[in-house]
Amino acid sequence: MQARYGIIARQKATSVRNFAKSAILLFLALRVGDVVNLAAGMWFVPKYVSPEEIGAVLPLTSFATFLSLPVFAFAMTVMKESAVLHAAGERAKVKSLLSGVFAAVGAALVLVLVVSCIAVPHFLKQMRVSDASAGILVVSAAFLGCVAPVYTDALQSMKRFKSLAAVEICGSIVRFLAMLATMPFRALAGYFAGQAALPAFRIAGSVIALRRDLSVPAEPYWNRETVRRVTLAFLAVCAYQVAPMAAALVEQTTLRTGLSAADSAGYYMISRFSDFLYYLTFPLLLVMFPYTADAARRSASTSPYVLKCMAATLVAAALMSAAYFFFGKELLSLMPHGSEYAAYAKYMPWLVPMAALTTCQVFHTNAEVSAGRFGFLLWLVPLHVVYAVALKLRFSGGNAPDMTTLLCWFGAMSFLRFACSAISLSRDAVLSRRLKRQ
């Protein structure tokens, strides 16, 4: 009995070490990409995009991502399926899975393009954007950004983190060169050209990296039961994504249309600093998914992974908020024309805890998706639908908001997301302990 417990303890220790090594590797690789993100968000955009159009960058990105939601949801569904298959050593079935995915992505592309041709021109006009070519590139960037996870998630689910790190580093360099070549001539369109270049390279790099893993003969995988399971999971993931994305789109359009051009530009400038938190926590999210999927397959609890990631996020957020409270104006002045937005520096410490609470919710709900559990939709969907409708009604019909009021709404929503996740996570932990005792 003691020998058995010793083996289990060593297996857990090995799993933790592998998790930590993979997270550190991806953290370092993604930091290279963050240099490009910083150059884009904090130097290229303020330098080349006019103040009247800076505030349109975030809502345009949210709108295009919303249009590409079906592809994104399908990619996440595939990631769950491939993670389970790889954990079981079924590489031949992974190949069959991905073959079916590629065909489905092609069909989704046609649908997205049709909808985009109808919707994008109207949205550009609403966002006060005069460059029509930006619309094509926005949709291209969003679609490619949603297709790329089909390929990179296959690397992730197979725990090919070294290959994934190489793809991220090289893709960031390609993105930087694309923006460097285009933004001086067509600022907003050039920015989204760079946004499209990164996922395009991710697709190409991942296909090359996957050739060795998928060189085995394919085994039959798709059948009526598999299609039914994947379809139900796809619909559940769509429900998981559509409500938060719709709420985010309403937030961004309210910022752009409700605030003045100067205020929406100010929000863009200060929100670049809260994005530092995502740079720190995103590697944890990437690494956590296959581990929680594997834990669920073994009927083990996913809570330890989620709690560790949440704790790291909250600690990092506290440190960042303190830094912005004391040195916000000085940091903001480092951006091109940043000193012109010094009045908005007081909001910088607000945005970080809001981002942290939302990130904690994503850790929990993504772990649930990896485990094939979708009970959280019972609170997540109604919460975001009610919030989006309330926000739209409150600030429509000439009821123009101010920055403080909007941030209070955003902050309240972030807290509610976190609270619901914390309650759900605590219930799961209690249930897991009871099952162990039995």
Protein backbone atom coordinates (compact mmCIF):
# COMPACT_ATOMS: atom_id res chain seq x y z
CA MET A 1 0.00 0.00 0.00
CA GLN A 2 2.81 2.43 0.89
CA ALA A 3 4.59 1.59 -2.35
CA ARG A 4 1.39 2.41 -4.27
CA TYR A 5 1.03 5.77 -2.55
CA GLY A 6 4.71 6.44 -3.25
CA ILE A 7 4.19 5.80 -6.96
CA ILE A 8 1.16 8.10 -7.01
CA ALA A 9 3.12 10.81 -5.20
CA ARG A 10 6.00 10.56 -7.68
CA GLN A 11 3.58 10.72 -10.61
CA LYS A 12 1.99 13.85 -9.18
CA ALA A 13 5.40 15.44 -8.58
CA THR A 14 6.46 14.64 -12.16
CA SER A 15 3.22 16.10 -13.50
CA VAL A 16 3.73 19.31 -11.52
CA ARG A 17 7.33 19.63 -12.75
CA ASN A 18 6.31 19.08 -16.37
CA PHE A 19 3.50 21.59 -15.99
CA ALA A 20 5.89 24.18 -14.53
CA LYS A 21 8.57 23.59 -17.20
CA SER A 22 6.03 23.90 -20.01
CA ALA A 23 4.54 27.04 -18.51
CA ILE A 24 7.99 28.64 -18.16
CA LEU A 25 8.94 27.69 -21.73
CA LEU A 26 5.79 29.18 -23.18
CA PHE A 27 6.08 32.18 -20.87
CA LEU A 28 9.53 32.98 -22.30
CA ALA A 29 8.43 32.37 -25.89
CA LEU A 30 5.32 34.49 -25.56
CA ARG A 31 7.30 37.29 -23.98
CA VAL A 32 9.05 37.66 -27.33
CA GLY A 33 5.63 38.00 -28.90
CA ASP A 34 4.70 40.53 -26.25
CA VAL A 35 7.50 42.79 -27.42
CA VAL A 36 5.69 42.96 -30.76
CA ASN A 37 2.33 43.44 -29.03
CA LEU A 38 3.80 46.28 -27.04
CA ALA A 39 5.32 47.82 -30.15
CA ALA A 40 1.95 47.59 -31.89
CA GLY A 41 -0.29 48.77 -29.09
CA MET A 42 1.97 51.26 -27.37
CA TRP A 43 4.09 52.66 -30.20
CA PHE A 44 2.85 51.89 -33.74
CA VAL A 45 -0.83 52.71 -33.08
CA PRO A 46 -0.31 55.97 -31.11
CA LYS A 47 2.35 57.09 -33.59
CA TYR A 48 0.56 56.40 -36.88
CA VAL A 49 -3.19 56.16 -36.17
CA SER A 50 -4.95 59.51 -35.80
CA PRO A 51 -6.47 60.32 -32.38
CA GLU A 52 -9.91 60.32 -34.01
CA GLU A 53 -9.55 56.65 -35.01
CA ILE A 54 -7.50 55.17 -32.13
CA GLY A 55 -10.67 54.49 -30.17
CA ALA A 56 -11.99 52.35 -33.03
CA VAL A 57 -9.22 49.74 -32.78
CA LEU A 58 -10.73 47.78 -29.87
CA PRO A 59 -14.38 47.72 -31.07
CA LEU A 60 -13.29 46.72 -34.58
CA THR A 61 -11.31 43.84 -33.12
CA SER A 62 -14.24 42.75 -30.94
CA PHE A 63 -16.66 42.95 -33.86
CA ALA A 64 -14.52 40.86 -36.20
CA THR A 65 -13.85 38.28 -33.50
CA PHE A 66 -17.59 38.02 -32.87
CA LEU A 67 -18.18 37.30 -36.56
CA SER A 68 -15.61 34.50 -36.42
CA LEU A 69 -17.12 32.94 -33.31
CA PRO A 70 -18.21 29.65 -34.97
CA VAL A 71 -14.63 28.93 -36.06
CA PHE A 72 -13.26 29.81 -32.64
CA ALA A 73 -15.79 27.55 -30.93
CA PHE A 74 -14.98 24.71 -33.29
CA ALA A 75 -11.26 25.12 -32.60
CA MET A 76 -11.88 24.89 -28.86
CA THR A 77 -14.02 21.77 -29.33
CA VAL A 78 -11.28 20.15 -31.38
CA MET A 79 -8.70 21.03 -28.74
CA LYS A 80 -10.70 19.12 -26.14
CA GLU A 81 -11.14 16.09 -28.42
CA SER A 82 -7.49 15.98 -29.49
CA ALA A 83 -6.28 16.42 -25.90
CA VAL A 84 -8.26 13.34 -24.81
CA LEU A 85 -7.13 11.30 -27.83
CA HIS A 86 -3.49 12.21 -27.35
CA ALA A 87 -3.63 11.38 -23.65
CA ALA A 88 -4.91 7.94 -24.67
CA GLY A 89 -2.10 7.53 -27.24
CA GLU A 90 -4.49 7.64 -30.22
CA ARG A 91 -2.36 9.66 -32.67
CA ALA A 92 -3.94 7.99 -35.72
CA LYS A 93 -7.37 9.11 -34.59
CA VAL A 94 -6.06 12.64 -34.02
CA LYS A 95 -5.12 12.68 -37.70
CA SER A 96 -8.65 11.68 -38.71
CA LEU A 97 -10.07 14.29 -36.35
CA LEU A 98 -8.01 17.09 -37.86
CA SER A 99 -8.87 16.01 -41.43
CA GLY A 100 -12.55 16.49 -40.67
CA VAL A 101 -11.81 19.82 -39.01
CA PHE A 102 -10.06 21.25 -42.07
CA ALA A 103 -13.15 20.60 -44.22
CA ALA A 104 -15.43 22.21 -41.65
CA VAL A 105 -13.21 25.30 -41.45
CA GLY A 106 -13.48 25.77 -45.22
CA ALA A 107 -17.29 25.77 -44.99
CA ALA A 108 -17.19 28.24 -42.10
CA LEU A 109 -14.97 30.59 -44.13
CA VAL A 110 -17.67 30.95 -46.79
CA LEU A 111 -20.32 31.76 -44.16
CA VAL A 112 -18.12 34.31 -42.39
CA LEU A 113 -17.29 36.12 -45.64
CA VAL A 114 -20.96 36.40 -46.64
CA VAL A 115 -21.96 37.85 -43.28
CA SER A 116 -18.94 40.17 -43.28
CA CYS A 117 -19.79 41.69 -46.67
CA ILE A 118 -23.18 42.70 -45.27
CA ALA A 119 -22.26 43.78 -41.75
CA VAL A 120 -18.76 45.30 -41.88
CA PRO A 121 -19.48 48.47 -43.94
CA HIS A 122 -22.29 49.49 -41.57
CA PHE A 123 -20.14 48.88 -38.51
CA LEU A 124 -17.23 50.89 -39.94
CA LYS A 125 -19.56 53.82 -40.45
CA GLN A 126 -20.86 53.53 -36.87
CA MET A 127 -17.28 53.46 -35.55
CA ARG A 128 -16.42 56.58 -37.57
CA VAL A 129 -13.73 54.82 -39.64
CA SER A 130 -13.15 56.19 -43.15
CA ASP A 131 -10.63 53.59 -44.42
CA ALA A 132 -12.77 50.92 -46.13
CA SER A 133 -9.75 48.65 -46.73
CA ALA A 134 -9.44 48.26 -42.96
CA GLY A 135 -12.71 46.32 -42.97
CA ILE A 136 -11.36 43.55 -45.21
CA LEU A 137 -8.22 43.22 -43.12
CA VAL A 138 -10.17 43.26 -39.85
CA VAL A 139 -12.25 40.29 -40.98
CA SER A 140 -9.19 38.50 -42.39
CA ALA A 141 -7.29 38.98 -39.13
CA ALA A 142 -10.21 37.79 -37.05
CA PHE A 143 -10.93 34.74 -39.19
CA LEU A 144 -7.29 33.68 -39.37
CA GLY A 145 -6.99 34.35 -35.65
CA CYS A 146 -9.85 31.94 -35.01
CA VAL A 147 -8.66 29.29 -37.50
CA ALA A 148 -5.08 29.26 -36.19
CA PRO A 149 -6.06 27.62 -32.87
CA VAL A 150 -7.23 24.55 -34.82
CA TYR A 151 -3.56 24.02 -35.61
CA THR A 152 -1.81 25.45 -32.55
CA ASP A 153 -4.25 23.71 -30.22
CA ALA A 154 -3.25 20.40 -31.81
CA LEU A 155 0.33 21.14 -30.75
CA GLN A 156 -0.93 22.17 -27.33
CA SER A 157 -3.07 19.07 -26.81
CA MET A 158 -0.12 16.86 -27.83
CA LYS A 159 2.04 18.76 -25.32
CA ARG A 160 4.39 19.80 -28.11
CA PHE A 161 5.24 22.98 -26.23
CA LYS A 162 8.72 23.42 -27.76
CA SER A 163 7.27 23.49 -31.27
CA LEU A 164 4.50 25.81 -30.09
CA ALA A 165 7.08 28.17 -28.57
CA ALA A 166 9.05 28.25 -31.85
CA VAL A 167 5.89 29.02 -33.84
CA GLU A 168 4.98 31.87 -31.48
CA ILE A 169 8.44 33.47 -31.62
CA CYS A 170 8.76 33.34 -35.42
CA GLY A 171 5.15 34.45 -35.92
CA SER A 172 5.73 37.51 -33.76
CA ILE A 173 8.70 38.51 -35.91
CA VAL A 174 6.59 38.16 -39.08
CA ARG A 175 3.86 40.31 -37.52
CA PHE A 176 6.36 43.01 -36.57
CA LEU A 177 7.77 43.15 -40.10
CA ALA A 178 4.28 43.36 -41.62
CA MET A 179 3.34 46.32 -39.44
CA LEU A 180 6.68 48.00 -39.99
CA ALA A 181 6.17 47.79 -43.75
CA THR A 182 2.51 48.91 -43.92
CA MET A 183 1.57 51.21 -41.03
CA PRO A 184 3.56 54.26 -42.15
CA PHE A 185 1.42 54.30 -45.34
CA ARG A 186 -2.01 52.97 -44.23
CA ALA A 187 -2.07 53.23 -40.46
CA LEU A 188 -5.28 51.44 -39.41
CA ALA A 189 -5.26 48.98 -42.32
CA GLY A 190 -1.56 48.30 -41.70
CA TYR A 191 -2.23 47.49 -38.06
CA PHE A 192 -4.76 44.82 -39.01
CA ALA A 193 -2.45 43.54 -41.74
CA GLY A 194 0.01 42.77 -38.96
CA GLN A 195 -2.78 41.20 -36.95
CA ALA A 196 -3.52 38.88 -39.88
CA ALA A 197 0.12 37.99 -40.51
CA LEU A 198 0.60 36.36 -37.10
CA PRO A 199 -2.18 33.72 -37.28
CA ALA A 200 -1.32 33.04 -40.95
CA PHE A 201 2.19 32.10 -39.86
CA ARG A 202 0.85 30.11 -36.90
CA ILE A 203 -1.14 27.96 -39.32
CA ALA A 204 1.83 27.37 -41.63
CA GLY A 205 4.28 26.73 -38.78
CA SER A 206 1.94 24.35 -36.96
CA VAL A 207 1.29 22.28 -40.09
CA ILE A 208 5.05 21.83 -40.51
CA ALA A 209 5.51 20.95 -36.82
CA LEU A 210 2.63 18.44 -36.91
CA ARG A 211 3.87 16.50 -39.91
CA ARG A 212 5.94 14.09 -37.79
CA ASP A 213 3.19 13.48 -35.23
CA LEU A 214 0.56 12.87 -37.88
CA SER A 215 2.67 10.76 -40.23
CA VAL A 216 0.96 7.61 -38.94
CA PRO A 217 -1.84 6.02 -41.02
CA ALA A 218 -5.23 7.43 -40.11
CA GLU A 219 -7.70 5.30 -38.20
CA PRO A 220 -11.48 5.71 -38.49
CA TYR A 221 -12.73 8.23 -35.95
CA TRP A 222 -15.80 9.95 -37.31
CA ASN A 223 -19.05 8.06 -36.86
CA ARG A 224 -22.60 8.93 -35.89
CA GLU A 225 -21.90 8.92 -32.16
CA THR A 226 -18.71 10.98 -32.55
CA VAL A 227 -20.45 13.55 -34.76
CA ARG A 228 -23.28 13.81 -32.23
CA ARG A 229 -20.88 14.29 -29.30
CA VAL A 230 -18.72 16.83 -31.13
CA THR A 231 -21.80 18.73 -32.34
CA LEU A 232 -23.22 18.98 -28.83
CA ALA A 233 -19.84 20.09 -27.49
CA PHE A 234 -19.57 22.65 -30.32
CA LEU A 235 -23.00 24.10 -29.51
CA ALA A 236 -22.08 24.25 -25.82
CA VAL A 237 -18.80 26.04 -26.57
CA CYS A 238 -20.68 28.46 -28.86
CA ALA A 239 -22.99 29.25 -25.97
CA TYR A 240 -19.92 29.61 -23.74
CA GLN A 241 -18.31 32.10 -26.12
CA VAL A 242 -21.17 34.00 -27.71
CA ALA A 243 -22.53 35.57 -24.52
CA PRO A 244 -19.17 36.98 -23.25
CA MET A 245 -18.19 38.09 -26.78
CA ALA A 246 -21.52 39.84 -27.28
CA ALA A 247 -21.13 41.57 -23.92
CA ALA A 248 -17.57 42.65 -24.82
CA LEU A 249 -18.79 43.97 -28.17
CA VAL A 250 -21.51 46.02 -26.46
CA GLU A 251 -18.89 47.37 -24.04
CA GLN A 252 -16.52 48.42 -26.82
CA THR A 253 -19.20 49.97 -29.03
CA THR A 254 -20.56 51.88 -26.03
CA LEU A 255 -17.07 53.19 -25.35
CA ARG A 256 -16.66 54.31 -28.96
CA THR A 257 -20.12 55.73 -29.62
CA GLY A 258 -21.00 56.98 -26.13
CA LEU A 259 -17.73 58.71 -25.26
CA SER A 260 -16.02 61.47 -27.17
CA ALA A 261 -13.19 60.59 -29.56
CA ALA A 262 -10.70 61.89 -26.98
CA ASP A 263 -12.15 59.76 -24.17
CA SER A 264 -12.28 56.59 -26.28
CA ALA A 265 -8.68 57.22 -27.35
CA GLY A 266 -7.74 57.73 -23.70
CA TYR A 267 -9.31 54.41 -22.79
CA TYR A 268 -7.33 52.68 -25.53
CA MET A 269 -4.08 54.17 -24.24
CA ILE A 270 -4.54 53.19 -20.60
CA SER A 271 -5.99 49.76 -21.39
CA ARG A 272 -2.70 48.80 -23.08
CA PHE A 273 -1.17 48.68 -19.59
CA SER A 274 -3.79 46.34 -18.17
CA ASP A 275 -2.98 43.97 -21.05
CA PHE A 276 0.35 43.26 -19.35
CA LEU A 277 -1.60 40.96 -17.04
CA TYR A 278 -2.83 38.88 -19.97
CA TYR A 279 0.74 38.53 -21.19
CA LEU A 280 1.69 37.09 -17.80
CA THR A 281 -1.25 34.70 -17.46
CA PHE A 282 -1.89 33.49 -21.01
CA PRO A 283 0.88 30.84 -20.91
CA LEU A 284 -0.79 29.35 -17.83
CA LEU A 285 -4.06 29.06 -19.75
CA LEU A 286 -2.36 27.35 -22.69
CA VAL A 287 -0.55 24.81 -20.54
CA MET A 288 -3.43 24.18 -18.16
CA PHE A 289 -5.94 22.96 -20.77
CA PRO A 290 -4.39 19.58 -21.69
CA TYR A 291 -3.54 18.91 -18.04
CA THR A 292 -7.09 19.54 -16.83
CA ALA A 293 -8.45 17.47 -19.75
CA ASP A 294 -6.18 14.60 -18.75
CA ALA A 295 -7.14 14.97 -15.08
CA ALA A 296 -10.84 14.80 -15.98
CA ARG A 297 -10.21 11.69 -18.09
CA ARG A 298 -8.69 10.03 -15.01
CA SER A 299 -11.62 11.21 -12.85
CA ALA A 300 -9.23 13.45 -10.92
CA SER A 301 -9.98 16.97 -9.74
CA THR A 302 -9.05 19.92 -11.98
CA SER A 303 -9.31 22.39 -9.07
CA PRO A 304 -5.61 22.39 -8.05
CA TYR A 305 -4.53 23.64 -11.47
CA VAL A 306 -7.23 26.32 -11.54
CA LEU A 307 -6.53 27.54 -8.01
CA LYS A 308 -2.78 27.86 -8.63
CA CYS A 309 -3.39 29.88 -11.80
CA MET A 310 -5.93 32.10 -10.03
CA ALA A 311 -3.54 32.78 -7.15
CA ALA A 312 -0.70 33.73 -9.52
CA THR A 313 -3.03 36.07 -11.42
CA LEU A 314 -4.30 37.90 -8.34
CA VAL A 315 -0.79 38.39 -6.94
CA ALA A 316 0.47 39.78 -10.25
CA ALA A 317 -2.57 42.08 -10.50
CA ALA A 318 -1.99 43.49 -7.01
CA LEU A 319 1.63 44.34 -7.84
CA MET A 320 0.71 45.93 -11.16
CA SER A 321 -2.08 48.02 -9.66
CA ALA A 322 0.29 49.37 -7.04
CA ALA A 323 2.85 50.29 -9.71
CA TYR A 324 0.25 52.09 -11.80
CA PHE A 325 -1.13 53.93 -8.77
CA PHE A 326 2.24 55.52 -8.03
CA PHE A 327 3.82 55.73 -11.51
CA GLY A 328 0.89 55.69 -13.96
CA LYS A 329 1.52 59.12 -15.49
CA GLU A 330 5.22 58.45 -15.94
CA LEU A 331 4.56 55.12 -17.66
CA LEU A 332 1.87 56.62 -19.88
CA SER A 333 4.22 59.38 -21.01
CA LEU A 334 6.57 56.74 -22.47
CA MET A 335 4.07 56.11 -25.29
CA PRO A 336 4.02 58.40 -28.35
CA HIS A 337 1.74 61.32 -27.46
CA GLY A 338 1.16 59.60 -24.12
CA SER A 339 1.58 62.77 -22.09
CA GLU A 340 -1.52 64.14 -23.83
CA TYR A 341 -3.57 61.48 -22.00
CA ALA A 342 -2.16 62.08 -18.50
CA ALA A 343 -5.64 62.89 -17.18
CA TYR A 344 -6.64 59.26 -17.76
CA ALA A 345 -3.75 57.78 -15.75
CA LYS A 346 -5.93 57.75 -12.60
CA TYR A 347 -7.99 54.94 -14.17
CA MET A 348 -5.03 52.65 -14.81
CA PRO A 349 -5.10 50.91 -11.37
CA TRP A 350 -8.82 50.18 -11.90
CA LEU A 351 -8.40 48.19 -15.08
CA VAL A 352 -5.91 45.64 -13.75
CA PRO A 353 -8.10 44.03 -11.03
CA MET A 354 -10.99 44.01 -13.49
CA ALA A 355 -8.84 42.07 -15.96
CA ALA A 356 -7.62 39.77 -13.16
CA LEU A 357 -11.12 38.81 -12.00
CA THR A 358 -12.22 38.07 -15.56
CA THR A 359 -9.07 36.01 -16.15
CA CYS A 360 -9.80 33.93 -13.05
CA GLN A 361 -13.25 33.17 -14.42
CA VAL A 362 -11.72 32.08 -17.73
CA PHE A 363 -9.31 29.73 -15.93
CA HIS A 364 -12.25 28.02 -14.25
CA THR A 365 -14.60 27.83 -17.24
CA ASN A 366 -11.87 26.68 -19.65
CA ALA A 367 -10.99 23.90 -17.22
CA GLU A 368 -14.65 22.90 -17.17
CA VAL A 369 -14.73 22.83 -20.98
CA SER A 370 -11.61 20.65 -21.05
CA ALA A 371 -13.36 18.26 -18.68
CA GLY A 372 -16.50 18.17 -20.83
CA ARG A 373 -18.62 19.83 -18.14
CA PHE A 374 -20.90 22.68 -19.20
CA GLY A 375 -23.06 23.23 -16.14
CA PHE A 376 -21.51 26.68 -15.71
CA LEU A 377 -23.54 27.83 -18.75
CA LEU A 378 -26.57 28.00 -16.46
CA TRP A 379 -25.10 31.12 -14.84
CA LEU A 380 -22.62 32.39 -17.45
CA VAL A 381 -25.06 32.88 -20.34
CA PRO A 382 -27.87 34.62 -18.40
CA LEU A 383 -25.36 36.82 -16.58
CA HIS A 384 -23.81 38.15 -19.80
CA VAL A 385 -27.10 38.49 -21.66
CA VAL A 386 -28.69 40.52 -18.86
CA TYR A 387 -25.55 42.65 -18.55
CA ALA A 388 -25.34 43.39 -22.30
CA VAL A 389 -29.03 44.30 -22.52
CA ALA A 390 -28.85 46.48 -19.39
CA LEU A 391 -25.74 48.29 -20.66
CA LYS A 392 -27.35 48.90 -24.05
CA LEU A 393 -30.58 50.21 -22.54
CA ARG A 394 -28.82 52.37 -19.95
CA PHE A 395 -26.65 54.23 -22.44
CA SER A 396 -28.87 54.40 -25.52
CA GLY A 397 -31.13 57.19 -26.70
CA GLY A 398 -28.76 60.03 -25.88
CA ASN A 399 -27.86 58.89 -22.37
CA ALA A 400 -24.15 59.49 -22.90
CA PRO A 401 -21.95 57.89 -20.21
CA ASP A 402 -18.77 59.22 -18.69
CA MET A 403 -15.57 57.23 -18.21
CA THR A 404 -16.04 56.70 -14.46
CA THR A 405 -19.59 55.38 -14.85
CA LEU A 406 -18.61 52.96 -17.61
CA LEU A 407 -15.67 51.59 -15.65
CA CYS A 408 -17.94 51.02 -12.65
CA TRP A 409 -20.22 48.93 -14.88
CA PHE A 410 -17.26 46.98 -16.26
CA GLY A 411 -15.85 46.43 -12.78
CA ALA A 412 -19.16 45.19 -11.37
CA MET A 413 -19.43 42.67 -14.20
CA SER A 414 -15.87 41.44 -13.64
CA PHE A 415 -16.65 40.86 -9.97
CA LEU A 416 -19.87 38.98 -10.75
CA ARG A 417 -18.01 36.70 -13.17
CA PHE A 418 -15.39 35.96 -10.55
CA ALA A 419 -17.94 35.40 -7.78
CA CYS A 420 -19.95 32.90 -9.83
CA SER A 421 -16.79 31.00 -10.79
CA ALA A 422 -15.55 30.96 -7.19
CA ILE A 423 -18.87 29.56 -5.94
CA SER A 424 -18.94 26.92 -8.68
CA LEU A 425 -15.30 25.98 -8.05
CA SER A 426 -15.84 25.62 -4.30
CA ARG A 427 -18.83 23.32 -4.89
CA ASP A 428 -16.76 21.16 -7.23
CA ALA A 429 -13.96 20.94 -4.67
CA VAL A 430 -16.39 19.85 -1.93
CA LEU A 431 -17.91 17.22 -4.21
CA SER A 432 -14.45 15.94 -5.17
CA ARG A 433 -13.48 15.52 -1.49
CA ARG A 434 -16.69 13.62 -0.79
CA LEU A 435 -16.05 11.25 -3.68
CA LYS A 436 -12.52 10.56 -2.44
CA ARG A 437 -13.81 9.66 1.02
CA GLN A 438 -16.28 7.23 -0.49
